[in-house]
Amino acid sequence: MRGVLRFRVGRTPVAVQPWFWVTAVLLGLGSRSLLAFVLWPPVLFIAILLHEMGHALAFRRFGSSAAIELHGLGGVTMGRVDRASHDMAVSLAGPFAGFALGVPLWFLTRDVVLFDPSLPVQAAWIAVQLFIWISVFWGLFNVLPMLPVDGGHALDAGLAWWRGHVMTRTTQVVSIITGGAVVLFSLYAWLVLGWAYVTWIMLLAALSLWANISAYRRYRSTARTYGEAINELAGNFGGITGGGGGMAPADDDDIVDLDRERKRRRKTRSVKDDIADALSALERHDRDAAMRAIHAARRQKPGGRTETLLVEIEAWACLAGREADDAARLAEQLPRRHPAKPFLDAGILIVRGDRDGGAEALAQALLAGPDDHSRVLAIELAASEGLTEEVARHLLEQGSGGFEETLRFQQGLKGLGKTAHAAIVDDVILGGA
């Protein structure tokens, strides 16, 4: 994307969108002096980058790569953790990175009186005060138990850690109460105390309040915050290579005695067992074993959605054998809105030799498709055909959403053990490929 500043802090790639600077200038319009207005954008950049680096270092501490993007609404650090306790630590690492530097600076400078009126001294003093204000006071707002700020994410993760399953609805209720309280306090401070600088806090809290009320009203079932959907597939179908752990669902009826389940599977084989074997065989590049498992599943005449899933897996087996026409014929049998169709269509283009078209189609599928076995198999196919760089470039062309998806694409490659391909994505992110 044009105008994006890209660099690296240690091993962490950073992208700064042009809108970050626009927002920084607009926020600086309320500065009390011209010098403060000039210093506001660079100080804001340093403070937010420090905040996001706190998140990034926590991700790396827990074994995940990380990437930072600064955009018009602040910043985001992208990585992956599979434990609620790790997610909570990552969420809190950002504001506490700011506290670690901002609070000591505040204590060191609160009683300082300047006698030197020179411009460099004044500029340094104003820069330090701005940094303290952003790091400490914005950090305090950021740890409030209110989605989507870090405190809300930490609360969501902490509840999941405590109870063993995600409690997003409870987090939304707490966020609504907190957002309403902040809006009321900000109105009082603005109208009665004359604190004009709380206007932006009131605006952010109001936006959070509206977003959480809307999300609560749309809520239908417990959200799966941790682990990927492929983990659920592994639980249902008996184990698929790759992926991490996941949190248990909220309903006790869904909890499975794993020892009892293993004993049952040693005695009998089900369609689900055959499907799990087929998917595992595809990830091992063993097309013949996959086809044997598919035929074994069909002998039990499953029908319905299971038969649709078998058609989809057979199409992937055809692509593994570079039989694009057979895969296309099978893909036509799937429902029009079947989630695997975009991935299969991209795979068919790739196998037929349309590299650029296939890479672009796969990028669009990754942006819109679910995190399931089709995504894993499509990433595996793209890597085996040497299309990692092309897919990453098409993703990055999609802006902020594409940047986040690029990191997930990289994580998928690592989950498949393709570290060299994951390094190619790093190069593309930094514009070095």
Protein backbone atom coordinates (compact mmCIF):
# COMPACT_ATOMS: atom_id res chain seq x y z
CA MET A 1 0.00 0.00 0.00
CA ARG A 2 1.38 3.40 -0.98
CA GLY A 3 2.48 5.79 1.73
CA VAL A 4 2.99 3.07 4.34
CA LEU A 5 6.17 3.44 6.38
CA ARG A 6 7.73 0.03 7.06
CA PHE A 7 10.65 -0.78 9.34
CA ARG A 8 11.67 -3.31 11.95
CA VAL A 9 12.25 -2.98 15.69
CA GLY A 10 14.44 -5.95 16.52
CA ARG A 11 12.62 -8.92 15.00
CA THR A 12 9.23 -7.19 14.97
CA PRO A 13 8.02 -5.70 11.66
CA VAL A 14 6.19 -2.36 11.97
CA ALA A 15 3.90 -0.70 9.43
CA VAL A 16 2.69 2.90 9.90
CA GLN A 17 -0.36 3.85 7.86
CA PRO A 18 -0.65 7.45 6.54
CA TRP A 19 -3.84 7.96 8.56
CA PHE A 20 -1.85 7.62 11.78
CA TRP A 21 -0.10 10.92 11.03
CA VAL A 22 -3.37 12.59 10.01
CA THR A 23 -4.97 11.61 13.31
CA ALA A 24 -1.86 12.69 15.24
CA VAL A 25 -2.02 16.16 13.70
CA LEU A 26 -5.75 16.48 14.38
CA LEU A 27 -5.30 15.47 18.02
CA GLY A 28 -2.51 18.03 18.35
CA LEU A 29 -4.77 20.91 17.31
CA GLY A 30 -5.77 21.42 20.95
CA SER A 31 -2.16 22.03 22.03
CA ARG A 32 -1.47 25.09 24.17
CA SER A 33 1.50 26.24 22.10
CA LEU A 34 2.92 25.95 18.61
CA LEU A 35 5.90 24.02 19.96
CA ALA A 36 3.62 21.47 21.65
CA PHE A 37 1.65 21.12 18.39
CA VAL A 38 4.86 20.41 16.46
CA LEU A 39 6.09 17.90 19.04
CA TRP A 40 2.79 16.07 19.46
CA PRO A 41 2.98 13.73 16.38
CA PRO A 42 6.52 12.38 17.02
CA VAL A 43 5.91 11.98 20.77
CA LEU A 44 2.60 10.23 20.11
CA PHE A 45 4.37 7.93 17.65
CA ILE A 46 7.06 6.99 20.21
CA ALA A 47 4.53 6.46 23.03
CA ILE A 48 2.18 4.27 20.99
CA LEU A 49 5.07 2.32 19.48
CA LEU A 50 6.37 1.63 23.02
CA HIS A 51 2.88 0.47 24.01
CA GLU A 52 2.62 -1.89 21.02
CA MET A 53 6.16 -3.19 21.58
CA GLY A 54 5.01 -4.25 25.05
CA HIS A 55 2.38 -6.44 23.38
CA ALA A 56 4.91 -7.70 20.81
CA LEU A 57 7.49 -8.69 23.43
CA ALA A 58 4.80 -10.58 25.35
CA PHE A 59 3.79 -12.45 22.19
CA ARG A 60 7.41 -13.43 21.61
CA ARG A 61 7.75 -14.47 25.25
CA PHE A 62 4.99 -17.00 24.62
CA GLY A 63 6.51 -18.32 21.40
CA SER A 64 4.59 -16.34 18.78
CA SER A 65 5.92 -13.96 16.16
CA ALA A 66 4.33 -10.50 16.16
CA ALA A 67 3.75 -7.60 13.82
CA ILE A 68 2.72 -4.03 14.62
CA GLU A 69 0.51 -1.68 12.64
CA LEU A 70 -0.10 1.95 13.60
CA HIS A 71 -3.28 3.28 11.99
CA GLY A 72 -5.76 6.12 12.28
CA LEU A 73 -7.29 4.84 15.52
CA GLY A 74 -4.03 4.06 17.30
CA GLY A 75 -2.24 0.76 16.91
CA VAL A 76 -2.62 -2.99 16.85
CA THR A 77 -0.14 -5.79 17.52
CA MET A 78 -0.89 -9.10 15.85
CA GLY A 79 0.25 -12.46 17.07
CA ARG A 80 -1.22 -15.70 18.36
CA VAL A 81 -1.54 -17.31 21.77
CA ASP A 82 -3.65 -20.35 22.62
CA ARG A 83 -3.94 -19.97 26.40
CA ALA A 84 -6.19 -17.52 28.18
CA SER A 85 -3.52 -16.75 30.77
CA HIS A 86 -1.09 -15.81 27.98
CA ASP A 87 -3.74 -13.68 26.28
CA MET A 88 -4.34 -11.76 29.51
CA ALA A 89 -0.61 -11.15 29.94
CA VAL A 90 -0.28 -9.95 26.34
CA SER A 91 -3.21 -7.56 26.76
CA LEU A 92 -1.76 -5.97 29.90
CA ALA A 93 1.83 -5.83 28.60
CA GLY A 94 1.07 -2.82 26.37
CA PRO A 95 -0.15 -0.31 28.97
CA PHE A 96 2.36 -1.53 31.55
CA ALA A 97 5.19 -0.92 29.09
CA GLY A 98 4.07 2.71 29.04
CA PHE A 99 3.77 2.81 32.84
CA ALA A 100 7.28 1.38 33.19
CA LEU A 101 8.76 4.50 31.59
CA GLY A 102 6.05 7.12 32.10
CA VAL A 103 5.57 6.75 35.87
CA PRO A 104 9.31 7.14 36.76
CA LEU A 105 9.51 10.18 34.46
CA TRP A 106 6.54 11.71 36.21
CA PHE A 107 8.10 11.27 39.66
CA LEU A 108 11.44 12.62 38.41
CA THR A 109 10.00 15.75 36.80
CA ARG A 110 6.98 16.71 38.92
CA ASP A 111 8.97 19.11 41.17
CA VAL A 112 11.38 20.35 38.50
CA VAL A 113 11.36 24.12 37.78
CA LEU A 114 12.97 25.25 34.54
CA PHE A 115 15.22 28.31 34.57
CA ASP A 116 16.65 27.91 31.10
CA PRO A 117 14.29 29.50 28.53
CA SER A 118 16.24 28.23 25.52
CA LEU A 119 14.29 26.46 22.79
CA PRO A 120 16.03 23.04 23.09
CA VAL A 121 15.37 22.87 26.82
CA GLN A 122 11.76 23.95 26.41
CA ALA A 123 11.25 21.43 23.60
CA ALA A 124 12.72 18.60 25.68
CA TRP A 125 10.57 19.54 28.65
CA ILE A 126 7.35 19.68 26.62
CA ALA A 127 8.20 16.37 24.90
CA VAL A 128 8.68 14.65 28.26
CA GLN A 129 5.40 16.04 29.62
CA LEU A 130 3.51 14.94 26.52
CA PHE A 131 5.05 11.48 26.75
CA ILE A 132 4.04 11.18 30.42
CA TRP A 133 0.49 12.28 29.64
CA ILE A 134 0.09 9.78 26.79
CA SER A 135 1.82 6.85 28.50
CA VAL A 136 0.31 7.23 31.97
CA PHE A 137 -3.11 8.78 31.55
CA TRP A 138 -3.95 7.10 28.27
CA GLY A 139 -2.57 3.89 29.80
CA LEU A 140 -4.97 4.23 32.75
CA PHE A 141 -7.89 4.59 30.34
CA ASN A 142 -6.58 1.60 28.41
CA VAL A 143 -6.70 -0.74 31.41
CA LEU A 144 -10.37 -0.07 32.14
CA PRO A 145 -12.43 -3.30 31.95
CA MET A 146 -14.09 -2.26 28.72
CA LEU A 147 -13.87 -3.75 25.25
CA PRO A 148 -12.17 -3.04 22.88
CA VAL A 149 -9.36 -1.52 24.97
CA ASP A 150 -6.69 -3.72 26.54
CA GLY A 151 -8.40 -3.89 29.93
CA GLY A 152 -11.49 -5.40 28.30
CA HIS A 153 -9.46 -8.04 26.50
CA ALA A 154 -7.60 -8.82 29.74
CA LEU A 155 -10.92 -9.22 31.56
CA ASP A 156 -12.23 -11.54 28.84
CA ALA A 157 -9.09 -13.66 29.01
CA GLY A 158 -9.00 -13.60 32.81
CA LEU A 159 -12.59 -14.86 33.08
CA ALA A 160 -11.81 -17.63 30.59
CA TRP A 161 -8.70 -18.58 32.59
CA TRP A 162 -10.69 -18.62 35.83
CA ARG A 163 -13.75 -20.52 34.61
CA GLY A 164 -12.17 -22.70 31.92
CA HIS A 165 -14.37 -21.40 29.10
CA VAL A 166 -14.89 -18.06 27.39
CA MET A 167 -17.40 -15.65 28.97
CA THR A 168 -17.70 -13.00 26.30
CA ARG A 169 -21.25 -12.08 27.27
CA THR A 170 -20.17 -11.30 30.84
CA THR A 171 -17.31 -9.20 29.49
CA GLN A 172 -19.76 -7.26 27.32
CA VAL A 173 -22.01 -6.52 30.31
CA VAL A 174 -19.03 -5.23 32.34
CA SER A 175 -17.92 -3.18 29.30
CA ILE A 176 -21.37 -1.58 29.01
CA ILE A 177 -21.41 -0.64 32.71
CA THR A 178 -17.84 0.73 32.55
CA GLY A 179 -18.46 2.65 29.32
CA GLY A 180 -21.61 4.24 30.75
CA ALA A 181 -19.78 5.26 33.92
CA VAL A 182 -16.90 6.82 31.96
CA VAL A 183 -19.33 8.76 29.74
CA LEU A 184 -21.19 10.14 32.78
CA PHE A 185 -17.97 11.08 34.58
CA SER A 186 -16.58 12.75 31.44
CA LEU A 187 -19.78 14.78 31.02
CA TYR A 188 -19.53 15.93 34.65
CA ALA A 189 -15.82 16.79 34.30
CA TRP A 190 -16.47 18.69 31.07
CA LEU A 191 -19.59 20.62 32.06
CA VAL A 192 -18.98 21.19 35.77
CA LEU A 193 -15.20 21.07 36.27
CA GLY A 194 -14.32 22.56 32.89
CA TRP A 195 -11.91 19.78 31.90
CA ALA A 196 -12.01 20.27 28.15
CA TYR A 197 -9.38 17.61 27.50
CA VAL A 198 -11.77 14.82 28.59
CA THR A 199 -13.82 15.34 25.42
CA TRP A 200 -11.90 12.69 23.47
CA ILE A 201 -12.17 10.26 26.42
CA MET A 202 -15.93 10.79 26.45
CA LEU A 203 -16.07 10.18 22.69
CA LEU A 204 -14.07 6.95 22.91
CA ALA A 205 -16.12 5.69 25.84
CA ALA A 206 -19.36 6.50 24.00
CA LEU A 207 -18.17 4.59 20.93
CA SER A 208 -17.22 1.64 23.13
CA LEU A 209 -20.59 1.76 24.88
CA TRP A 210 -22.48 1.75 21.57
CA ALA A 211 -20.33 -1.05 20.13
CA ASN A 212 -20.76 -3.28 23.19
CA ILE A 213 -24.52 -2.73 23.37
CA SER A 214 -24.79 -3.61 19.67
CA ALA A 215 -22.61 -6.69 20.11
CA TYR A 216 -24.57 -7.82 23.15
CA ARG A 217 -27.85 -7.57 21.26
CA ARG A 218 -26.45 -9.61 18.38
CA TYR A 219 -24.97 -12.21 20.70
CA ARG A 220 -26.37 -15.69 20.14
CA SER A 221 -23.84 -18.16 21.59
CA THR A 222 -20.59 -18.23 23.53
CA ALA A 223 -17.77 -16.90 21.36
CA ARG A 224 -14.70 -19.04 20.83
CA THR A 225 -11.92 -16.63 21.65
CA TYR A 226 -8.99 -19.02 22.00
CA GLY A 227 -7.59 -21.58 19.60
CA GLU A 228 -8.55 -21.91 15.96
CA ALA A 229 -11.61 -23.52 14.48
CA ILE A 230 -9.38 -26.33 13.29
CA ASN A 231 -8.98 -27.31 16.95
CA GLU A 232 -12.72 -27.85 17.14
CA LEU A 233 -12.47 -29.98 14.02
CA ALA A 234 -9.68 -31.94 15.68
CA GLY A 235 -11.90 -32.53 18.70
CA ASN A 236 -14.82 -33.68 16.52
CA PHE A 237 -12.91 -35.73 13.98
CA GLY A 238 -10.18 -37.22 16.11
CA GLY A 239 -7.03 -35.16 15.71
CA ILE A 240 -5.62 -33.14 12.84
CA THR A 241 -1.97 -32.22 12.68
CA GLY A 242 -1.12 -28.59 13.31
CA GLY A 243 -2.88 -25.97 15.38
CA GLY A 244 -2.81 -25.28 19.08
CA GLY A 245 -4.98 -25.83 22.09
CA GLY A 246 -8.42 -24.38 22.58
CA MET A 247 -10.68 -23.41 25.45
CA ALA A 248 -13.53 -25.74 26.38
CA PRO A 249 -17.04 -24.57 25.44
CA ALA A 250 -19.29 -23.18 28.13
CA ASP A 251 -21.84 -25.99 28.27
CA ASP A 252 -20.85 -28.88 30.53
CA ASP A 253 -22.74 -31.26 28.22
CA ASP A 254 -20.11 -30.62 25.54
CA ILE A 255 -17.18 -31.70 27.69
CA VAL A 256 -15.83 -35.08 26.55
CA ASP A 257 -14.07 -37.63 28.72
CA LEU A 258 -10.99 -38.08 26.55
CA ASP A 259 -9.92 -41.37 28.10
CA ARG A 260 -13.35 -42.88 27.49
CA GLU A 261 -13.36 -41.53 23.95
CA ARG A 262 -9.97 -43.08 23.19
CA LYS A 263 -11.14 -46.46 24.51
CA ARG A 264 -14.27 -46.29 22.38
CA ARG A 265 -12.26 -45.55 19.25
CA ARG A 266 -9.98 -48.49 19.82
CA LYS A 267 -13.05 -50.75 19.64
CA THR A 268 -15.03 -49.15 16.82
CA ARG A 269 -14.37 -46.90 13.86
CA SER A 270 -16.81 -44.22 12.79
CA VAL A 271 -17.19 -41.97 9.79
CA LYS A 272 -15.53 -39.22 11.84
CA ASP A 273 -12.47 -41.39 12.35
CA ASP A 274 -12.19 -41.97 8.60
CA ILE A 275 -12.57 -38.25 7.91
CA ALA A 276 -9.83 -37.46 10.43
CA ASP A 277 -7.57 -40.01 8.74
CA ALA A 278 -8.29 -38.50 5.31
CA LEU A 279 -7.43 -34.98 6.47
CA SER A 280 -4.27 -36.14 8.20
CA ALA A 281 -3.22 -38.04 5.06
CA LEU A 282 -3.69 -34.93 2.93
CA GLU A 283 -1.45 -32.93 5.26
CA ARG A 284 1.16 -35.70 4.90
CA HIS A 285 0.82 -35.49 1.09
CA ASP A 286 -0.41 -39.10 1.07
CA ARG A 287 -3.20 -38.87 -1.53
CA ASP A 288 -3.73 -42.62 -1.74
CA ALA A 289 -4.26 -42.97 2.01
CA ALA A 290 -6.70 -40.05 1.87
CA MET A 291 -8.74 -41.71 -0.88
CA ARG A 292 -8.82 -45.02 1.04
CA ALA A 293 -10.16 -43.22 4.11
CA ILE A 294 -12.78 -41.40 1.99
CA HIS A 295 -13.96 -44.70 0.46
CA ALA A 296 -14.08 -46.31 3.91
CA ALA A 297 -16.27 -43.46 5.17
CA ARG A 298 -18.60 -43.75 2.16
CA ARG A 299 -19.12 -47.47 2.77
CA GLN A 300 -21.05 -46.46 5.89
CA LYS A 301 -23.44 -44.37 3.71
CA PRO A 302 -23.28 -41.22 5.88
CA GLY A 303 -25.35 -38.87 3.68
CA GLY A 304 -26.30 -35.27 4.44
CA ARG A 305 -23.62 -32.83 5.55
CA THR A 306 -21.09 -35.60 6.09
CA GLU A 307 -21.34 -36.62 2.44
CA THR A 308 -20.85 -32.96 1.45
CA LEU A 309 -17.71 -32.89 3.60
CA LEU A 310 -16.46 -36.06 1.92
CA VAL A 311 -16.99 -34.48 -1.53
CA GLU A 312 -14.96 -31.49 -0.40
CA ILE A 313 -12.12 -33.65 0.95
CA GLU A 314 -12.08 -35.73 -2.23
CA ALA A 315 -11.71 -32.51 -4.23
CA TRP A 316 -8.67 -31.62 -2.15
CA ALA A 317 -7.29 -35.11 -2.73
CA CYS A 318 -7.67 -34.53 -6.49
CA LEU A 319 -5.75 -31.25 -6.17
CA ALA A 320 -3.05 -33.10 -4.23
CA GLY A 321 -2.77 -35.38 -7.27
CA ARG A 322 -2.75 -32.32 -9.57
CA GLU A 323 -6.07 -33.41 -11.11
CA ALA A 324 -7.65 -29.97 -11.51
CA ASP A 325 -10.55 -31.06 -13.76
CA ASP A 326 -11.70 -33.76 -11.33
CA ALA A 327 -11.44 -31.29 -8.46
CA ALA A 328 -13.51 -28.76 -10.41
CA ARG A 329 -16.18 -31.38 -11.09
CA LEU A 330 -16.42 -32.19 -7.40
CA ALA A 331 -16.42 -28.53 -6.39
CA GLU A 332 -19.48 -28.01 -8.60
CA GLN A 333 -21.37 -30.51 -6.43
CA LEU A 334 -20.91 -28.35 -3.33
CA PRO A 335 -23.59 -25.83 -2.29
CA ARG A 336 -23.03 -22.38 -3.76
CA ARG A 337 -22.18 -20.79 -0.41
CA HIS A 338 -20.13 -23.66 0.93
CA PRO A 339 -17.18 -22.16 2.90
CA ALA A 340 -14.63 -24.36 1.12
CA LYS A 341 -15.59 -23.27 -2.41
CA PRO A 342 -13.41 -20.10 -2.52
CA PHE A 343 -10.39 -22.09 -1.32
CA LEU A 344 -11.05 -24.89 -3.80
CA ASP A 345 -11.55 -22.43 -6.67
CA ALA A 346 -8.21 -20.84 -5.82
CA GLY A 347 -6.55 -24.25 -5.65
CA ILE A 348 -7.98 -25.25 -9.02
CA LEU A 349 -6.55 -22.09 -10.62
CA ILE A 350 -3.16 -22.78 -9.05
CA VAL A 351 -3.02 -26.38 -10.25
CA ARG A 352 -4.11 -25.30 -13.73
CA GLY A 353 -1.09 -22.98 -13.90
CA ASP A 354 -2.79 -19.60 -13.37
CA ARG A 355 -0.37 -18.54 -10.65
CA ASP A 356 -1.32 -14.87 -10.31
CA GLY A 357 -5.04 -15.55 -10.56
CA GLY A 358 -4.76 -18.39 -8.06
CA ALA A 359 -2.71 -16.31 -5.61
CA GLU A 360 -5.20 -13.43 -5.80
CA ALA A 361 -8.17 -15.79 -5.38
CA LEU A 362 -6.52 -17.44 -2.40
CA ALA A 363 -5.83 -14.07 -0.79
CA GLN A 364 -9.52 -13.17 -1.10
CA ALA A 365 -10.51 -16.56 0.31
CA LEU A 366 -8.17 -16.11 3.29
CA LEU A 367 -9.71 -12.71 4.01
CA ALA A 368 -13.29 -13.97 3.95
CA GLY A 369 -13.08 -17.69 4.72
CA PRO A 370 -13.22 -19.52 8.05
CA ASP A 371 -10.26 -21.02 9.88
CA ASP A 372 -10.85 -24.66 9.07
CA HIS A 373 -9.20 -27.57 7.28
CA SER A 374 -9.77 -25.99 3.85
CA ARG A 375 -7.72 -22.98 4.86
CA VAL A 376 -4.90 -25.22 6.08
CA LEU A 377 -4.92 -27.31 2.90
CA ALA A 378 -5.03 -24.22 0.67
CA ILE A 379 -2.02 -22.70 2.44
CA GLU A 380 -0.19 -26.02 2.09
CA LEU A 381 -0.95 -26.10 -1.66
CA ALA A 382 0.19 -22.51 -2.20
CA ALA A 383 3.45 -23.15 -0.37
CA SER A 384 4.13 -26.37 -2.27
CA GLU A 385 3.61 -24.47 -5.55
CA GLY A 386 5.96 -21.65 -4.48
CA LEU A 387 3.23 -18.98 -4.28
CA THR A 388 3.90 -17.74 -0.75
CA GLU A 389 5.27 -14.36 -1.83
CA GLU A 390 2.47 -13.71 -4.34
CA VAL A 391 -0.28 -14.52 -1.81
CA ALA A 392 1.33 -12.30 0.85
CA ARG A 393 1.59 -9.38 -1.60
CA HIS A 394 -2.06 -9.69 -2.60
CA LEU A 395 -3.04 -9.73 1.09
CA LEU A 396 -1.02 -6.61 1.90
CA GLU A 397 -2.74 -4.74 -0.93
CA GLN A 398 -5.99 -4.99 1.07
CA GLY A 399 -4.91 -2.46 3.72
CA SER A 400 -5.35 -2.98 7.48
CA GLY A 401 -7.40 -6.16 7.21
CA GLY A 402 -4.93 -7.58 4.75
CA PHE A 403 -2.00 -6.82 7.05
CA GLU A 404 -3.62 -8.76 9.88
CA GLU A 405 -4.48 -11.64 7.55
CA THR A 406 -0.89 -11.69 6.28
CA LEU A 407 0.30 -12.42 9.79
CA ARG A 408 -2.28 -15.19 10.16
CA PHE A 409 -1.11 -16.58 6.81
CA GLN A 410 2.43 -16.57 8.20
CA GLN A 411 1.27 -18.34 11.36
CA GLY A 412 -0.46 -20.96 9.23
CA LEU A 413 2.79 -21.62 7.39
CA LYS A 414 4.63 -22.03 10.68
CA GLY A 415 1.95 -24.40 11.92
CA LEU A 416 2.66 -26.54 8.86
CA GLY A 417 6.38 -26.47 9.62
CA LYS A 418 7.19 -24.27 6.63
CA THR A 419 9.50 -21.83 8.40
CA ALA A 420 11.32 -20.82 5.20
CA HIS A 421 8.02 -19.74 3.65
CA ALA A 422 7.12 -17.88 6.85
CA ALA A 423 10.41 -15.96 6.51
CA ILE A 424 9.41 -15.00 2.96
CA VAL A 425 6.22 -13.42 4.37
CA ASP A 426 8.38 -11.43 6.81
CA ASP A 427 10.38 -10.07 3.87
CA VAL A 428 7.24 -9.13 2.00
CA ILE A 429 5.86 -7.28 5.04
CA LEU A 430 9.04 -5.23 5.26
CA GLY A 431 9.10 -4.61 1.51
CA GLY A 432 12.35 -6.50 1.13
CA ALA A 433 11.23 -9.35 -1.07
